[in-house]
Amino acid sequence: MATASIRDLRTSFPRVRALLARDGEIVVTDRGRAAYVLRTYSPPPADRPKNIDYFERLKAHQPHAISPARSRALDEADRGER
């Protein structure tokens, strides 16, 4: 595994980048002691989002369906004296 100091990162980054491309990982030292690990970035896989059935999610939160008679009673109560 390759190593580079913090000073190397500042002054000769192209050389450090070439080491990183070659080895894939570099240990960055701070005053002679290993302090950080520098790795190449690999983006997460671009999975397509699942098709979400929002109506099914809504029904999962409403355990009982309202009866037709109760629905009519609610409609009549909401109308009032019009």
C-alpha atoms as a PDB file:
ATOM      1  CA  MET A   1       0.000   0.000   0.000  1.00  0.00           C
ATOM      2  CA  ALA A   2       1.334   3.382  -0.993  1.00  0.00           C
ATOM      3  CA  THR A   3       1.853   6.192   1.474  1.00  0.00           C
ATOM      4  CA  ALA A   4       1.916   9.951   1.078  1.00  0.00           C
ATOM      5  CA  SER A   5       2.272  12.781   3.522  1.00  0.00           C
ATOM      6  CA  ILE A   6      -0.017  15.741   3.866  1.00  0.00           C
ATOM      7  CA  ARG A   7       2.740  17.855   2.349  1.00  0.00           C
ATOM      8  CA  ASP A   8       2.795  15.544  -0.679  1.00  0.00           C
ATOM      9  CA  LEU A   9      -0.907  16.143  -1.147  1.00  0.00           C
ATOM     10  CA  ARG A  10      -0.327  19.896  -1.229  1.00  0.00           C
ATOM     11  CA  THR A  11       2.841  20.057  -3.292  1.00  0.00           C
ATOM     12  CA  SER A  12       2.743  17.090  -5.652  1.00  0.00           C
ATOM     13  CA  PHE A  13      -0.837  16.012  -5.983  1.00  0.00           C
ATOM     14  CA  PRO A  14      -0.487  14.703  -9.559  1.00  0.00           C
ATOM     15  CA  ARG A  15       2.013  12.109  -8.305  1.00  0.00           C
ATOM     16  CA  VAL A  16      -0.300  11.169  -5.436  1.00  0.00           C
ATOM     17  CA  ARG A  17      -3.224  10.899  -7.845  1.00  0.00           C
ATOM     18  CA  ALA A  18      -1.206   8.568 -10.069  1.00  0.00           C
ATOM     19  CA  LEU A  19      -0.406   6.397  -7.020  1.00  0.00           C
ATOM     20  CA  LEU A  20      -4.072   6.380  -6.110  1.00  0.00           C
ATOM     21  CA  ALA A  21      -5.069   5.353  -9.629  1.00  0.00           C
ATOM     22  CA  ARG A  22      -2.489   2.570  -9.574  1.00  0.00           C
ATOM     23  CA  ASP A  23      -3.056   1.178  -6.059  1.00  0.00           C
ATOM     24  CA  GLY A  24      -6.620   2.262  -5.344  1.00  0.00           C
ATOM     25  CA  GLU A  25      -5.776   3.249  -1.778  1.00  0.00           C
ATOM     26  CA  ILE A  26      -3.167   5.474  -0.123  1.00  0.00           C
ATOM     27  CA  VAL A  27      -2.313   5.902   3.540  1.00  0.00           C
ATOM     28  CA  VAL A  28      -1.854   9.593   4.298  1.00  0.00           C
ATOM     29  CA  THR A  29       0.635  10.294   7.049  1.00  0.00           C
ATOM     30  CA  ASP A  30       0.743  13.238   9.414  1.00  0.00           C
ATOM     31  CA  ARG A  31       4.207  13.801  10.911  1.00  0.00           C
ATOM     32  CA  GLY A  32       5.233  10.249  10.103  1.00  0.00           C
ATOM     33  CA  ARG A  33       2.175   8.548  11.592  1.00  0.00           C
ATOM     34  CA  ALA A  34      -0.616   7.015   9.562  1.00  0.00           C
ATOM     35  CA  ALA A  35      -3.591   9.332   9.923  1.00  0.00           C
ATOM     36  CA  TYR A  36      -5.965   8.874   7.001  1.00  0.00           C
ATOM     37  CA  VAL A  37      -6.803   6.480   4.213  1.00  0.00           C
ATOM     38  CA  LEU A  38      -7.498   7.935   0.795  1.00  0.00           C
ATOM     39  CA  ARG A  39      -9.540   5.746  -1.572  1.00  0.00           C
ATOM     40  CA  THR A  40     -10.914   6.211  -5.039  1.00  0.00           C
ATOM     41  CA  TYR A  41     -14.576   7.118  -5.146  1.00  0.00           C
ATOM     42  CA  SER A  42     -17.024   4.607  -6.504  1.00  0.00           C
ATOM     43  CA  PRO A  43     -20.610   5.839  -6.758  1.00  0.00           C
ATOM     44  CA  PRO A  44     -23.376   3.681  -5.336  1.00  0.00           C
ATOM     45  CA  PRO A  45     -25.266   1.573  -7.854  1.00  0.00           C
ATOM     46  CA  ALA A  46     -27.992   3.497  -9.609  1.00  0.00           C
ATOM     47  CA  ASP A  47     -30.945   1.252  -8.880  1.00  0.00           C
ATOM     48  CA  ARG A  48     -34.224   2.451 -10.204  1.00  0.00           C
ATOM     49  CA  PRO A  49     -36.708   3.256  -7.463  1.00  0.00           C
ATOM     50  CA  LYS A  50     -39.510   0.785  -7.018  1.00  0.00           C
ATOM     51  CA  ASN A  51     -42.958   1.699  -8.215  1.00  0.00           C
ATOM     52  CA  ILE A  52     -44.751   2.646  -5.031  1.00  0.00           C
ATOM     53  CA  ASP A  53     -48.436   1.859  -4.783  1.00  0.00           C
ATOM     54  CA  TYR A  54     -49.605   4.792  -2.698  1.00  0.00           C
ATOM     55  CA  PHE A  55     -53.175   3.562  -2.524  1.00  0.00           C
ATOM     56  CA  GLU A  56     -52.033   0.271  -0.969  1.00  0.00           C
ATOM     57  CA  ARG A  57     -49.941   2.218   1.551  1.00  0.00           C
ATOM     58  CA  LEU A  58     -52.985   4.319   2.410  1.00  0.00           C
ATOM     59  CA  LYS A  59     -55.193   1.253   2.830  1.00  0.00           C
ATOM     60  CA  ALA A  60     -52.600  -0.283   5.170  1.00  0.00           C
ATOM     61  CA  HIS A  61     -53.130   2.642   7.546  1.00  0.00           C
ATOM     62  CA  GLN A  62     -56.927   2.344   7.400  1.00  0.00           C
ATOM     63  CA  PRO A  63     -57.790  -1.094   8.750  1.00  0.00           C
ATOM     64  CA  HIS A  64     -61.590  -0.988   8.230  1.00  0.00           C
ATOM     65  CA  ALA A  65     -63.525   0.136   5.230  1.00  0.00           C
ATOM     66  CA  ILE A  66     -66.508   2.323   5.982  1.00  0.00           C
ATOM     67  CA  SER A  67     -69.891   0.727   5.297  1.00  0.00           C
ATOM     68  CA  PRO A  68     -72.183   2.225   2.658  1.00  0.00           C
ATOM     69  CA  ALA A  69     -74.837   2.966   5.297  1.00  0.00           C
ATOM     70  CA  ARG A  70     -72.325   4.826   7.469  1.00  0.00           C
ATOM     71  CA  SER A  71     -71.073   6.719   4.420  1.00  0.00           C
ATOM     72  CA  ARG A  72     -74.611   7.873   3.605  1.00  0.00           C
ATOM     73  CA  ALA A  73     -75.148   8.904   7.239  1.00  0.00           C
ATOM     74  CA  LEU A  74     -71.962  11.006   7.124  1.00  0.00           C
ATOM     75  CA  ASP A  75     -73.086  12.646   3.888  1.00  0.00           C
ATOM     76  CA  GLU A  76     -76.453  13.495   5.387  1.00  0.00           C
ATOM     77  CA  ALA A  77     -74.838  14.871   8.545  1.00  0.00           C
ATOM     78  CA  ASP A  78     -72.491  17.063   6.503  1.00  0.00           C
ATOM     79  CA  ARG A  79     -75.301  18.546   4.432  1.00  0.00           C
ATOM     80  CA  GLY A  80     -77.182  19.967   7.348  1.00  0.00           C
ATOM     81  CA  GLU A  81     -80.203  22.074   6.505  1.00  0.00           C
ATOM     82  CA  ARG A  82     -79.544  23.327   3.012  1.00  0.00           C
END
